[in-house]
């Protein structure tokens, strides 16, 4: 996936704006307000390329939360990342449930 491309940059900006620049995971699960700077793929883009630009598959998080969701050295999902993926139904807009 091209994270420096125009399409991704536009989608990233859109998702951060849609989530009010807040770390959605920290807010929902730990009741903690943190600024989001990263847009995380709930279903990894490399494994699920068909979901890479879907709004429901993208979530705004802080750097700290991103490290809790994805191993920074291997890019593999952590247990928390797999739990988030398991609880996210493909095609269903989880933002409407909030």
Protein backbone atom coordinates (compact mmCIF):
# COMPACT_ATOMS: atom_id res chain seq x y z
CA UNK A 1 0.00 0.00 0.00
CA UNK A 2 1.27 3.48 -0.85
CA UNK A 3 1.07 5.53 2.34
CA UNK A 4 2.63 8.54 0.62
CA UNK A 5 0.19 8.60 -2.28
CA UNK A 6 -2.41 11.30 -2.84
CA UNK A 7 -5.38 8.93 -2.43
CA UNK A 8 -4.19 7.67 0.97
CA UNK A 9 -3.33 11.15 2.22
CA UNK A 10 -6.83 12.37 1.32
CA UNK A 11 -8.49 9.33 2.93
CA UNK A 12 -6.35 9.67 6.05
CA UNK A 13 -7.28 13.35 6.44
CA UNK A 14 -10.95 12.50 5.91
CA UNK A 15 -10.96 9.74 8.57
CA UNK A 16 -9.09 11.85 11.13
CA UNK A 17 -11.61 14.64 10.57
CA UNK A 18 -14.55 12.22 10.75
CA UNK A 19 -13.26 10.98 14.13
CA UNK A 20 -12.68 14.56 15.35
CA UNK A 21 -8.91 13.91 15.57
CA UNK A 22 -9.53 11.73 18.62
CA UNK A 23 -8.15 8.28 19.39
CA UNK A 24 -11.35 6.27 19.06
CA UNK A 25 -9.96 3.17 20.78
CA UNK A 26 -8.71 5.09 23.83
CA UNK A 27 -12.01 6.95 24.08
CA UNK A 28 -14.25 3.90 23.70
CA UNK A 29 -12.34 1.35 25.73
CA UNK A 30 -10.43 3.36 28.31
CA UNK A 31 -12.54 6.54 28.48
CA UNK A 32 -9.38 8.53 27.76
CA UNK A 33 -9.20 11.50 25.35
CA UNK A 34 -6.08 11.47 23.23
CA UNK A 35 -5.22 13.19 19.97
CA UNK A 36 -5.20 10.83 17.00
CA UNK A 37 -2.39 11.16 14.47
CA UNK A 38 -2.56 7.74 12.80
CA UNK A 39 -5.26 5.99 10.80
CA UNK A 40 -5.14 2.24 11.48
CA UNK A 41 -6.49 -0.49 9.19
CA UNK A 42 -8.63 -2.76 11.37
CA UNK A 43 -8.36 -5.48 8.71
CA UNK A 44 -4.71 -5.18 7.56
CA UNK A 45 -4.40 -3.68 4.07
CA UNK A 46 -1.79 -6.22 2.98
CA UNK A 47 -4.06 -9.17 3.82
CA UNK A 48 -7.37 -7.56 2.83
CA UNK A 49 -6.60 -5.14 -0.03
CA UNK A 50 -10.28 -4.94 -0.92
CA UNK A 51 -10.92 -3.16 2.42
CA UNK A 52 -7.97 -0.73 2.35
CA UNK A 53 -10.02 2.43 1.61
CA UNK A 54 -13.31 1.45 3.30
CA UNK A 55 -14.34 3.91 6.02
CA UNK A 56 -15.55 1.12 8.32
CA UNK A 57 -12.05 -0.46 8.19
CA UNK A 58 -10.21 2.70 9.20
CA UNK A 59 -9.95 4.04 12.71
CA UNK A 60 -8.15 7.07 14.13
CA UNK A 61 -5.66 6.31 16.90
CA UNK A 62 -2.70 7.83 18.74
CA UNK A 63 0.82 6.50 18.27
CA UNK A 64 0.60 4.80 21.68
CA UNK A 65 -2.63 3.00 20.81
CA UNK A 66 -1.30 2.03 17.39
CA UNK A 67 1.60 0.22 19.08
CA UNK A 68 -0.95 -1.63 21.22
CA UNK A 69 -2.85 -2.71 18.09
CA UNK A 70 0.07 -3.55 15.82
CA UNK A 71 3.61 -4.72 16.53
CA UNK A 72 5.84 -1.89 15.24
CA UNK A 73 8.64 -4.29 14.25
CA UNK A 74 6.65 -6.98 12.44
CA UNK A 75 3.47 -5.05 11.56
CA UNK A 76 1.50 -8.06 12.84
CA UNK A 77 -1.67 -7.43 14.82
CA UNK A 78 -1.39 -7.84 18.58
CA UNK A 79 -4.04 -9.63 20.64
CA UNK A 80 -5.84 -6.29 21.03
CA UNK A 81 -5.63 -5.68 17.27
CA UNK A 82 -7.06 -9.13 16.54
CA UNK A 83 -9.86 -8.53 19.05
CA UNK A 84 -10.74 -5.24 17.35
CA UNK A 85 -10.74 -7.00 13.98
CA UNK A 86 -12.90 -9.86 15.30
CA UNK A 87 -15.44 -7.36 16.66
CA UNK A 88 -15.62 -5.36 13.42
CA UNK A 89 -18.09 -6.72 10.87
CA UNK A 90 -16.95 -6.08 7.28
CA UNK A 91 -19.18 -3.53 5.58
CA UNK A 92 -20.92 -2.39 8.77
CA UNK A 93 -20.33 1.23 9.77
CA UNK A 94 -19.32 0.93 13.43
CA UNK A 95 -19.35 4.74 13.77
CA UNK A 96 -23.17 4.74 13.62
CA UNK A 97 -23.26 2.55 16.73
CA UNK A 98 -21.31 5.07 18.80
